[in-house]
Amino acid sequence: MVSNIWVEFAFTAMSTLLMVELNNRNALMRTYSRMVSCSFLALLTMTGLPQLSLKSSIVTMCFIAFYLIIWNCYQDKRSTGWTFYAFACIGLASMVFVQIGYFMPILWIMMMVFTLSFSVKTFFASLVGLIVPYWFAAGYFFYTDNIQGLADHFCEFINYSELFDYSQVTDHQVLNLSFVTLLTIIGSIHFIRTSYGDKIRTRMIYETFIMISVACIIFIVLQPRHIQELGGILIVNTAPLIAHFITFTRGKFTNISFILLLIMLVLIMAYNILVPESILL
């Protein structure tokens, strides 16, 4: 248990540093602010305690790395190298969470509409990046004479037997998801109303966050047993949205809203730690 805590701490620290770099490199905020990384760390801590999920931590970190790399391709349809590295991160995440492959069509749409980098070359670069981790994994499975393990891994991708199966959903998960979804809605509405103040490239990034957030929520509804992994991806996209709301809103109402959201976060965190988890259905 102690070793797991330190591993989780390492992944959390690395993910937070990547969020800092994502914020700095893409100027997600019009002013100097650490609210993106602070929001991310607060939400990740709230949802991660007391139950630890190494799979979720790996998927979360890989998705941040994907964002960090893919925006180097902005308006460059010949950026096969950056595209390859970005989708290699998705491939690494799929090693522990193969269902992340369902995001591929959405990520290609993102390249068409937002990064404006989609072409035949970048399309095939994304496919090669996605499968390159399996070149090494296949060698390991062959060496250990466990080809069935590799086949079982891919079979999970088309396992629809647990669609809409809420039998294992806990009160903690519902509470966490409800709060993060609330923040997503607040942040999305705020950004849509005030996006005129940001540069076009920044708008594209935030619109990507909104699109992926909606996809995450839909996927969670479809397969709630993956709520931890999908919840991590949702937090990656929600953190910048709510950070934008907190940083660029003024007035008595928004100040009260911020205080209420902060109190709710602390109460949910305390509930997760102090109240034993129970299955709802």
C-alpha atoms as a PDB file:
ATOM      1  CA  MET A   1       0.000   0.000   0.000  1.00  0.00           C
ATOM      2  CA  VAL A   2       2.811   2.424   0.911  1.00  0.00           C
ATOM      3  CA  SER A   3       4.649   1.716  -2.345  1.00  0.00           C
ATOM      4  CA  ASN A   4       1.415   2.296  -4.293  1.00  0.00           C
ATOM      5  CA  ILE A   5       1.001   5.671  -2.623  1.00  0.00           C
ATOM      6  CA  TRP A   6       4.483   6.748  -3.697  1.00  0.00           C
ATOM      7  CA  VAL A   7       3.895   5.538  -7.243  1.00  0.00           C
ATOM      8  CA  GLU A   8       0.628   7.489  -7.348  1.00  0.00           C
ATOM      9  CA  PHE A   9       2.429  10.531  -5.944  1.00  0.00           C
ATOM     10  CA  ALA A  10       5.064  10.290  -8.677  1.00  0.00           C
ATOM     11  CA  PHE A  11       2.444  10.087 -11.437  1.00  0.00           C
ATOM     12  CA  THR A  12       0.440  12.934  -9.901  1.00  0.00           C
ATOM     13  CA  ALA A  13       3.532  15.135  -9.657  1.00  0.00           C
ATOM     14  CA  MET A  14       4.536  14.370 -13.245  1.00  0.00           C
ATOM     15  CA  SER A  15       1.006  14.988 -14.537  1.00  0.00           C
ATOM     16  CA  THR A  16       0.828  18.316 -12.704  1.00  0.00           C
ATOM     17  CA  LEU A  17       4.174  19.410 -14.156  1.00  0.00           C
ATOM     18  CA  LEU A  18       2.932  18.486 -17.631  1.00  0.00           C
ATOM     19  CA  MET A  19      -0.195  20.597 -17.029  1.00  0.00           C
ATOM     20  CA  VAL A  20       2.046  23.511 -16.043  1.00  0.00           C
ATOM     21  CA  GLU A  21       3.983  23.079 -19.285  1.00  0.00           C
ATOM     22  CA  LEU A  22       0.746  22.756 -21.295  1.00  0.00           C
ATOM     23  CA  ASN A  23      -0.456  26.022 -19.799  1.00  0.00           C
ATOM     24  CA  ASN A  24       2.829  27.868 -20.352  1.00  0.00           C
ATOM     25  CA  ARG A  25       3.551  26.633 -23.862  1.00  0.00           C
ATOM     26  CA  ASN A  26       0.053  27.302 -25.207  1.00  0.00           C
ATOM     27  CA  ALA A  27      -0.755  30.437 -23.177  1.00  0.00           C
ATOM     28  CA  LEU A  28      -4.054  29.007 -21.961  1.00  0.00           C
ATOM     29  CA  MET A  29      -4.477  32.060 -19.744  1.00  0.00           C
ATOM     30  CA  ARG A  30      -4.279  35.646 -20.979  1.00  0.00           C
ATOM     31  CA  THR A  31      -2.525  36.574 -17.766  1.00  0.00           C
ATOM     32  CA  TYR A  32       0.099  34.946 -15.560  1.00  0.00           C
ATOM     33  CA  SER A  33      -1.741  32.286 -13.579  1.00  0.00           C
ATOM     34  CA  ARG A  34      -1.179  28.844 -12.127  1.00  0.00           C
ATOM     35  CA  MET A  35      -4.891  28.196 -11.821  1.00  0.00           C
ATOM     36  CA  VAL A  36      -4.868  25.479 -14.513  1.00  0.00           C
ATOM     37  CA  SER A  37      -2.396  23.256 -12.678  1.00  0.00           C
ATOM     38  CA  CYS A  38      -3.927  24.095  -9.283  1.00  0.00           C
ATOM     39  CA  SER A  39      -7.417  23.163 -10.489  1.00  0.00           C
ATOM     40  CA  PHE A  40      -6.082  19.961 -12.004  1.00  0.00           C
ATOM     41  CA  LEU A  41      -4.258  18.969  -8.819  1.00  0.00           C
ATOM     42  CA  ALA A  42      -7.270  19.756  -6.629  1.00  0.00           C
ATOM     43  CA  LEU A  43      -9.659  17.686  -8.758  1.00  0.00           C
ATOM     44  CA  LEU A  44      -7.206  14.820  -9.119  1.00  0.00           C
ATOM     45  CA  THR A  45      -6.676  14.719  -5.354  1.00  0.00           C
ATOM     46  CA  MET A  46     -10.411  14.865  -4.675  1.00  0.00           C
ATOM     47  CA  THR A  47     -11.237  11.949  -6.976  1.00  0.00           C
ATOM     48  CA  GLY A  48      -8.135   9.892  -6.188  1.00  0.00           C
ATOM     49  CA  LEU A  49      -8.612   9.586  -2.432  1.00  0.00           C
ATOM     50  CA  PRO A  50      -8.823   7.168  -0.774  1.00  0.00           C
ATOM     51  CA  GLN A  51      -8.977   4.634  -3.642  1.00  0.00           C
ATOM     52  CA  LEU A  52      -5.823   4.650  -5.779  1.00  0.00           C
ATOM     53  CA  SER A  53      -5.838   3.662  -9.458  1.00  0.00           C
ATOM     54  CA  LEU A  54      -2.516   3.194 -11.220  1.00  0.00           C
ATOM     55  CA  LYS A  55      -4.284   2.645 -14.559  1.00  0.00           C
ATOM     56  CA  SER A  56      -6.101   5.950 -14.241  1.00  0.00           C
ATOM     57  CA  SER A  57      -2.861   7.760 -13.372  1.00  0.00           C
ATOM     58  CA  ILE A  58      -1.076   6.361 -16.431  1.00  0.00           C
ATOM     59  CA  VAL A  59      -3.963   7.227 -18.763  1.00  0.00           C
ATOM     60  CA  THR A  60      -4.218  10.743 -17.332  1.00  0.00           C
ATOM     61  CA  MET A  61      -0.510  11.460 -17.736  1.00  0.00           C
ATOM     62  CA  CYS A  62      -0.424  10.070 -21.280  1.00  0.00           C
ATOM     63  CA  PHE A  63      -3.401  12.187 -22.331  1.00  0.00           C
ATOM     64  CA  ILE A  64      -1.754  15.356 -21.038  1.00  0.00           C
ATOM     65  CA  ALA A  65       1.416  14.418 -22.924  1.00  0.00           C
ATOM     66  CA  PHE A  66      -0.704  13.931 -26.053  1.00  0.00           C
ATOM     67  CA  TYR A  67      -2.107  17.459 -25.748  1.00  0.00           C
ATOM     68  CA  LEU A  68       1.326  18.887 -25.058  1.00  0.00           C
ATOM     69  CA  ILE A  69       2.729  17.380 -28.258  1.00  0.00           C
ATOM     70  CA  ILE A  70      -0.207  17.568 -30.687  1.00  0.00           C
ATOM     71  CA  TRP A  71      -0.491  21.352 -30.517  1.00  0.00           C
ATOM     72  CA  ASN A  72       2.969  21.628 -32.021  1.00  0.00           C
ATOM     73  CA  CYS A  73       1.187  20.520 -35.222  1.00  0.00           C
ATOM     74  CA  TYR A  74      -1.075  23.582 -35.354  1.00  0.00           C
ATOM     75  CA  GLN A  75      -1.779  24.476 -39.010  1.00  0.00           C
ATOM     76  CA  ASP A  76       0.985  22.162 -40.202  1.00  0.00           C
ATOM     77  CA  LYS A  77      -0.269  19.255 -42.302  1.00  0.00           C
ATOM     78  CA  ARG A  78       3.280  17.964 -42.772  1.00  0.00           C
ATOM     79  CA  SER A  79       3.980  17.533 -39.050  1.00  0.00           C
ATOM     80  CA  THR A  80       4.206  13.747 -39.205  1.00  0.00           C
ATOM     81  CA  GLY A  81       6.875  13.589 -36.504  1.00  0.00           C
ATOM     82  CA  TRP A  82       4.909  15.470 -33.856  1.00  0.00           C
ATOM     83  CA  THR A  83       1.762  13.541 -34.802  1.00  0.00           C
ATOM     84  CA  PHE A  84       3.596  10.248 -34.402  1.00  0.00           C
ATOM     85  CA  TYR A  85       4.888  11.174 -30.933  1.00  0.00           C
ATOM     86  CA  ALA A  86       1.485  12.479 -29.820  1.00  0.00           C
ATOM     87  CA  PHE A  87      -0.360   9.323 -30.793  1.00  0.00           C
ATOM     88  CA  ALA A  88       2.405   7.166 -29.350  1.00  0.00           C
ATOM     89  CA  CYS A  89       1.239   8.583 -26.001  1.00  0.00           C
ATOM     90  CA  ILE A  90      -2.281   7.360 -26.792  1.00  0.00           C
ATOM     91  CA  GLY A  91      -0.768   3.993 -27.708  1.00  0.00           C
ATOM     92  CA  LEU A  92       1.010   3.835 -24.349  1.00  0.00           C
ATOM     93  CA  ALA A  93      -2.251   4.646 -22.564  1.00  0.00           C
ATOM     94  CA  SER A  94      -4.006   1.896 -24.525  1.00  0.00           C
ATOM     95  CA  MET A  95      -1.557  -0.641 -23.089  1.00  0.00           C
ATOM     96  CA  VAL A  96      -3.416  -0.339 -19.779  1.00  0.00           C
ATOM     97  CA  PHE A  97      -6.760   0.993 -21.060  1.00  0.00           C
ATOM     98  CA  VAL A  98      -7.459  -0.323 -24.550  1.00  0.00           C
ATOM     99  CA  GLN A  99     -10.861   1.418 -24.684  1.00  0.00           C
ATOM    100  CA  ILE A 100      -9.060   4.728 -25.197  1.00  0.00           C
ATOM    101  CA  GLY A 101      -9.025   3.655 -28.831  1.00  0.00           C
ATOM    102  CA  TYR A 102     -12.626   4.859 -29.072  1.00  0.00           C
ATOM    103  CA  PHE A 103     -11.264   8.395 -28.835  1.00  0.00           C
ATOM    104  CA  MET A 104      -9.356   7.974 -32.097  1.00  0.00           C
ATOM    105  CA  PRO A 105     -12.146   9.202 -34.437  1.00  0.00           C
ATOM    106  CA  ILE A 106     -12.698  12.173 -32.122  1.00  0.00           C
ATOM    107  CA  LEU A 107      -8.978  12.977 -32.111  1.00  0.00           C
ATOM    108  CA  TRP A 108      -8.918  12.833 -35.907  1.00  0.00           C
ATOM    109  CA  ILE A 109     -11.846  15.260 -35.962  1.00  0.00           C
ATOM    110  CA  MET A 110      -9.832  17.457 -33.603  1.00  0.00           C
ATOM    111  CA  MET A 111      -6.962  17.417 -36.105  1.00  0.00           C
ATOM    112  CA  MET A 112      -9.340  18.358 -38.936  1.00  0.00           C
ATOM    113  CA  VAL A 113     -11.225  21.132 -37.165  1.00  0.00           C
ATOM    114  CA  PHE A 114      -8.994  22.502 -34.408  1.00  0.00           C
ATOM    115  CA  THR A 115      -5.289  21.774 -34.940  1.00  0.00           C
ATOM    116  CA  LEU A 116      -5.861  22.004 -38.715  1.00  0.00           C
ATOM    117  CA  SER A 117      -3.132  19.430 -39.260  1.00  0.00           C
ATOM    118  CA  PHE A 118      -5.033  16.480 -40.712  1.00  0.00           C
ATOM    119  CA  SER A 119      -3.707  15.005 -43.944  1.00  0.00           C
ATOM    120  CA  VAL A 120      -3.035  11.580 -45.407  1.00  0.00           C
ATOM    121  CA  LYS A 121       0.502  11.681 -44.013  1.00  0.00           C
ATOM    122  CA  THR A 122      -0.503  12.715 -40.498  1.00  0.00           C
ATOM    123  CA  PHE A 123      -3.338  10.172 -40.539  1.00  0.00           C
ATOM    124  CA  PHE A 124      -0.927   7.304 -41.157  1.00  0.00           C
ATOM    125  CA  ALA A 125       1.557   8.839 -38.707  1.00  0.00           C
ATOM    126  CA  SER A 126      -1.155   8.699 -36.039  1.00  0.00           C
ATOM    127  CA  LEU A 127      -1.827   5.032 -36.799  1.00  0.00           C
ATOM    128  CA  VAL A 128       1.861   4.140 -36.621  1.00  0.00           C
ATOM    129  CA  GLY A 129       2.217   6.079 -33.363  1.00  0.00           C
ATOM    130  CA  LEU A 130      -0.770   4.256 -31.910  1.00  0.00           C
ATOM    131  CA  ILE A 131       0.558   0.770 -32.658  1.00  0.00           C
ATOM    132  CA  VAL A 132       4.281   1.311 -32.040  1.00  0.00           C
ATOM    133  CA  PRO A 133       4.086   0.422 -28.295  1.00  0.00           C
ATOM    134  CA  TYR A 134       2.598  -2.921 -29.316  1.00  0.00           C
ATOM    135  CA  TRP A 135       5.641  -3.720 -31.436  1.00  0.00           C
ATOM    136  CA  PHE A 136       7.611  -3.962 -28.202  1.00  0.00           C
ATOM    137  CA  ALA A 137       4.748  -5.516 -26.228  1.00  0.00           C
ATOM    138  CA  ALA A 138       4.275  -8.231 -28.848  1.00  0.00           C
ATOM    139  CA  GLY A 139       7.921  -9.214 -28.462  1.00  0.00           C
ATOM    140  CA  TYR A 140       7.449  -9.533 -24.719  1.00  0.00           C
ATOM    141  CA  PHE A 141       4.303 -11.649 -25.109  1.00  0.00           C
ATOM    142  CA  PHE A 142       6.059 -13.909 -27.630  1.00  0.00           C
ATOM    143  CA  TYR A 143       9.066 -14.244 -25.336  1.00  0.00           C
ATOM    144  CA  THR A 144       6.897 -15.219 -22.356  1.00  0.00           C
ATOM    145  CA  ASP A 145       4.752 -17.518 -24.538  1.00  0.00           C
ATOM    146  CA  ASN A 146       1.619 -15.581 -23.608  1.00  0.00           C
ATOM    147  CA  ILE A 147       0.070 -14.704 -26.963  1.00  0.00           C
ATOM    148  CA  GLN A 148      -3.359 -15.345 -25.483  1.00  0.00           C
ATOM    149  CA  GLY A 149      -2.774 -12.476 -23.064  1.00  0.00           C
ATOM    150  CA  LEU A 150      -2.238 -10.089 -25.983  1.00  0.00           C
ATOM    151  CA  ALA A 151      -5.352 -11.422 -27.726  1.00  0.00           C
ATOM    152  CA  ASP A 152      -7.413 -11.016 -24.553  1.00  0.00           C
ATOM    153  CA  HIS A 153      -6.203  -7.434 -24.276  1.00  0.00           C
ATOM    154  CA  PHE A 154      -7.598  -6.555 -27.710  1.00  0.00           C
ATOM    155  CA  CYS A 155     -10.783  -8.540 -27.098  1.00  0.00           C
ATOM    156  CA  GLU A 156     -11.614  -6.083 -24.315  1.00  0.00           C
ATOM    157  CA  PHE A 157     -11.872  -3.381 -26.977  1.00  0.00           C
ATOM    158  CA  ILE A 158     -14.975  -5.007 -28.441  1.00  0.00           C
ATOM    159  CA  ASN A 159     -16.454  -6.213 -25.166  1.00  0.00           C
ATOM    160  CA  TYR A 160     -19.933  -4.673 -25.064  1.00  0.00           C
ATOM    161  CA  SER A 161     -21.379  -7.044 -22.479  1.00  0.00           C
ATOM    162  CA  GLU A 162     -21.238  -4.413 -19.738  1.00  0.00           C
ATOM    163  CA  LEU A 163     -22.857  -1.498 -21.540  1.00  0.00           C
ATOM    164  CA  PHE A 164     -25.028   0.515 -19.139  1.00  0.00           C
ATOM    165  CA  ASP A 165     -23.946  -1.770 -16.285  1.00  0.00           C
ATOM    166  CA  TYR A 166     -24.212   0.368 -13.155  1.00  0.00           C
ATOM    167  CA  SER A 167     -24.067  -2.542 -10.720  1.00  0.00           C
ATOM    168  CA  GLN A 168     -20.551  -1.647  -9.538  1.00  0.00           C
ATOM    169  CA  VAL A 169     -20.909   2.135  -9.438  1.00  0.00           C
ATOM    170  CA  THR A 170     -20.261   3.578  -5.971  1.00  0.00           C
ATOM    171  CA  ASP A 171     -21.571   6.647  -4.201  1.00  0.00           C
ATOM    172  CA  HIS A 172     -18.076   8.181  -4.245  1.00  0.00           C
ATOM    173  CA  GLN A 173     -17.822   7.829  -8.013  1.00  0.00           C
ATOM    174  CA  VAL A 174     -21.246   9.361  -8.613  1.00  0.00           C
ATOM    175  CA  LEU A 175     -20.474  12.267  -6.300  1.00  0.00           C
ATOM    176  CA  ASN A 176     -17.090  12.916  -7.904  1.00  0.00           C
ATOM    177  CA  LEU A 177     -18.450  12.679 -11.440  1.00  0.00           C
ATOM    178  CA  SER A 178     -21.387  14.956 -10.645  1.00  0.00           C
ATOM    179  CA  PHE A 179     -19.097  17.653  -9.278  1.00  0.00           C
ATOM    180  CA  VAL A 180     -16.605  17.447 -12.157  1.00  0.00           C
ATOM    181  CA  THR A 181     -19.476  17.515 -14.667  1.00  0.00           C
ATOM    182  CA  LEU A 182     -20.869  20.609 -12.948  1.00  0.00           C
ATOM    183  CA  LEU A 183     -17.481  22.305 -13.295  1.00  0.00           C
ATOM    184  CA  THR A 184     -17.336  21.252 -16.948  1.00  0.00           C
ATOM    185  CA  ILE A 185     -20.711  22.849 -17.648  1.00  0.00           C
ATOM    186  CA  ILE A 186     -19.836  26.057 -15.794  1.00  0.00           C
ATOM    187  CA  GLY A 187     -16.434  26.351 -17.467  1.00  0.00           C
ATOM    188  CA  SER A 188     -17.775  25.555 -20.940  1.00  0.00           C
ATOM    189  CA  ILE A 189     -20.627  28.072 -20.778  1.00  0.00           C
ATOM    190  CA  HIS A 190     -18.292  30.751 -19.438  1.00  0.00           C
ATOM    191  CA  PHE A 191     -15.715  30.193 -22.171  1.00  0.00           C
ATOM    192  CA  ILE A 192     -18.298  30.154 -24.971  1.00  0.00           C
ATOM    193  CA  ARG A 193     -19.626  33.494 -23.699  1.00  0.00           C
ATOM    194  CA  THR A 194     -16.206  35.147 -23.290  1.00  0.00           C
ATOM    195  CA  SER A 195     -14.047  33.456 -25.933  1.00  0.00           C
ATOM    196  CA  TYR A 196     -13.856  36.678 -27.967  1.00  0.00           C
ATOM    197  CA  GLY A 197     -11.110  37.832 -25.612  1.00  0.00           C
ATOM    198  CA  ASP A 198      -8.752  34.974 -26.515  1.00  0.00           C
ATOM    199  CA  LYS A 199      -6.615  34.361 -29.569  1.00  0.00           C
ATOM    200  CA  ILE A 200      -7.925  32.029 -32.272  1.00  0.00           C
ATOM    201  CA  ARG A 201      -5.399  29.315 -31.394  1.00  0.00           C
ATOM    202  CA  THR A 202      -6.409  29.455 -27.732  1.00  0.00           C
ATOM    203  CA  ARG A 203     -10.076  29.193 -28.682  1.00  0.00           C
ATOM    204  CA  MET A 204      -9.301  26.089 -30.712  1.00  0.00           C
ATOM    205  CA  ILE A 205      -7.609  24.489 -27.691  1.00  0.00           C
ATOM    206  CA  TYR A 206     -10.503  25.243 -25.348  1.00  0.00           C
ATOM    207  CA  GLU A 207     -13.051  24.040 -27.885  1.00  0.00           C
ATOM    208  CA  THR A 208     -11.066  20.801 -28.008  1.00  0.00           C
ATOM    209  CA  PHE A 209     -11.343  20.563 -24.219  1.00  0.00           C
ATOM    210  CA  ILE A 210     -15.112  20.993 -24.455  1.00  0.00           C
ATOM    211  CA  MET A 211     -15.476  18.379 -27.204  1.00  0.00           C
ATOM    212  CA  ILE A 212     -13.377  15.760 -25.390  1.00  0.00           C
ATOM    213  CA  SER A 213     -15.203  16.471 -22.114  1.00  0.00           C
ATOM    214  CA  VAL A 214     -18.563  15.777 -23.752  1.00  0.00           C
ATOM    215  CA  ALA A 215     -17.162  12.570 -25.265  1.00  0.00           C
ATOM    216  CA  CYS A 216     -15.855  11.462 -21.847  1.00  0.00           C
ATOM    217  CA  ILE A 217     -19.226  11.971 -20.189  1.00  0.00           C
ATOM    218  CA  ILE A 218     -20.980  10.019 -22.958  1.00  0.00           C
ATOM    219  CA  PHE A 219     -18.469   7.165 -22.671  1.00  0.00           C
ATOM    220  CA  ILE A 220     -18.908   7.067 -18.884  1.00  0.00           C
ATOM    221  CA  VAL A 221     -22.678   6.760 -19.311  1.00  0.00           C
ATOM    222  CA  LEU A 222     -22.161   3.938 -21.819  1.00  0.00           C
ATOM    223  CA  GLN A 223     -19.548   2.006 -19.812  1.00  0.00           C
ATOM    224  CA  PRO A 224     -19.540   3.171 -16.193  1.00  0.00           C
ATOM    225  CA  ARG A 225     -17.076   0.453 -15.154  1.00  0.00           C
ATOM    226  CA  HIS A 226     -14.345   2.609 -16.748  1.00  0.00           C
ATOM    227  CA  ILE A 227     -15.321   5.667 -14.747  1.00  0.00           C
ATOM    228  CA  GLN A 228     -11.891   6.036 -13.112  1.00  0.00           C
ATOM    229  CA  GLU A 229      -9.880   6.056 -16.341  1.00  0.00           C
ATOM    230  CA  LEU A 230     -12.393   8.223 -18.209  1.00  0.00           C
ATOM    231  CA  GLY A 231     -12.743  10.450 -15.165  1.00  0.00           C
ATOM    232  CA  GLY A 232      -9.013  11.175 -15.291  1.00  0.00           C
ATOM    233  CA  ILE A 233      -9.297  12.255 -18.935  1.00  0.00           C
ATOM    234  CA  LEU A 234     -12.332  14.372 -18.034  1.00  0.00           C
ATOM    235  CA  ILE A 235     -10.359  16.153 -15.315  1.00  0.00           C
ATOM    236  CA  VAL A 236      -7.552  16.960 -17.780  1.00  0.00           C
ATOM    237  CA  ASN A 237     -10.096  18.782 -19.956  1.00  0.00           C
ATOM    238  CA  THR A 238     -12.192  20.299 -17.175  1.00  0.00           C
ATOM    239  CA  ALA A 239      -9.302  21.856 -15.229  1.00  0.00           C
ATOM    240  CA  PRO A 240      -8.450  24.516 -17.870  1.00  0.00           C
ATOM    241  CA  LEU A 241     -12.139  25.323 -18.387  1.00  0.00           C
ATOM    242  CA  ILE A 242     -12.889  25.963 -14.719  1.00  0.00           C
ATOM    243  CA  ALA A 243      -9.527  27.713 -14.289  1.00  0.00           C
ATOM    244  CA  HIS A 244     -10.526  30.124 -17.065  1.00  0.00           C
ATOM    245  CA  PHE A 245     -13.818  30.776 -15.273  1.00  0.00           C
ATOM    246  CA  ILE A 246     -12.160  31.406 -11.905  1.00  0.00           C
ATOM    247  CA  THR A 247      -9.423  33.640 -13.331  1.00  0.00           C
ATOM    248  CA  PHE A 248     -11.418  35.860 -15.673  1.00  0.00           C
ATOM    249  CA  THR A 249     -14.733  36.373 -13.893  1.00  0.00           C
ATOM    250  CA  ARG A 250     -15.445  39.372 -11.717  1.00  0.00           C
ATOM    251  CA  GLY A 251     -18.313  40.411  -9.524  1.00  0.00           C
ATOM    252  CA  LYS A 252     -20.099  39.438  -6.352  1.00  0.00           C
ATOM    253  CA  PHE A 253     -21.980  36.501  -7.878  1.00  0.00           C
ATOM    254  CA  THR A 254     -18.885  34.864  -9.338  1.00  0.00           C
ATOM    255  CA  ASN A 255     -16.924  35.398  -6.126  1.00  0.00           C
ATOM    256  CA  ILE A 256     -19.672  33.643  -4.179  1.00  0.00           C
ATOM    257  CA  SER A 257     -19.718  30.870  -6.802  1.00  0.00           C
ATOM    258  CA  PHE A 258     -15.989  30.331  -6.392  1.00  0.00           C
ATOM    259  CA  ILE A 259     -16.294  30.094  -2.606  1.00  0.00           C
ATOM    260  CA  LEU A 260     -19.199  27.644  -2.879  1.00  0.00           C
ATOM    261  CA  LEU A 261     -17.310  25.462  -5.368  1.00  0.00           C
ATOM    262  CA  LEU A 262     -14.274  25.444  -3.097  1.00  0.00           C
ATOM    263  CA  ILE A 263     -16.396  24.431  -0.100  1.00  0.00           C
ATOM    264  CA  MET A 264     -18.042  21.676  -2.148  1.00  0.00           C
ATOM    265  CA  LEU A 265     -14.641  20.351  -3.216  1.00  0.00           C
ATOM    266  CA  VAL A 266     -13.392  20.199   0.380  1.00  0.00           C
ATOM    267  CA  LEU A 267     -16.600  18.521   1.583  1.00  0.00           C
ATOM    268  CA  ILE A 268     -16.481  15.911  -1.191  1.00  0.00           C
ATOM    269  CA  MET A 269     -12.837  15.202  -0.428  1.00  0.00           C
ATOM    270  CA  ALA A 270     -13.677  14.753   3.260  1.00  0.00           C
ATOM    271  CA  TYR A 271     -16.610  12.498   2.358  1.00  0.00           C
ATOM    272  CA  ASN A 272     -14.391  10.328   0.143  1.00  0.00           C
ATOM    273  CA  ILE A 273     -11.828   9.917   2.912  1.00  0.00           C
ATOM    274  CA  LEU A 274     -14.086   9.527   5.946  1.00  0.00           C
ATOM    275  CA  VAL A 275     -17.171   7.714   4.626  1.00  0.00           C
ATOM    276  CA  PRO A 276     -16.754   4.095   3.461  1.00  0.00           C
ATOM    277  CA  GLU A 277     -17.464   3.517  -0.209  1.00  0.00           C
ATOM    278  CA  SER A 278     -20.697   1.674  -1.006  1.00  0.00           C
ATOM    279  CA  ILE A 279     -22.278   0.363  -4.208  1.00  0.00           C
ATOM    280  CA  LEU A 280     -25.463   2.222  -5.106  1.00  0.00           C
ATOM    281  CA  LEU A 281     -27.356  -0.545  -6.929  1.00  0.00           C
END
